[in-house]
Amino acid sequence: MKYMIHGEVPPERGEHLEQHPEAMQELMGAWQAQNPLAMHFSLTRRGFFFLIEADNEDAFFEPLHKSWVLLGTYPTVDPVADFEEFGQMLQRIRG
């Protein structure tokens, strides 16, 4: 299953991260250890988007928890499928 993880750095945490970039580097390292299929960062907001492939959310609990602790907000996690995978799921449902 693929998961889309989206998070934003709240303004009240942004100043702290600017003064302590090593904290954000550690967080990004935790996400990179998941071997994401994609990592994108917003150029207009303090936001990030990762695409992770895992059996379930337990596989990336550590970086989710680190994100929550560092950012003070929990990233959004959405299971996603590409067009082919979605069609296969519909076929299974139809039986």
Foldseek 3Di string as FASTA:
>chain_A
DKKKWKDFADPVLVVVCVVPVVLVVVLVVLVVVQVFPDWDADPVGRMIITMGDDPDPVVSPVSQVSCCVRRVDGIDMDDDDDPVVVVVVVVVVVD
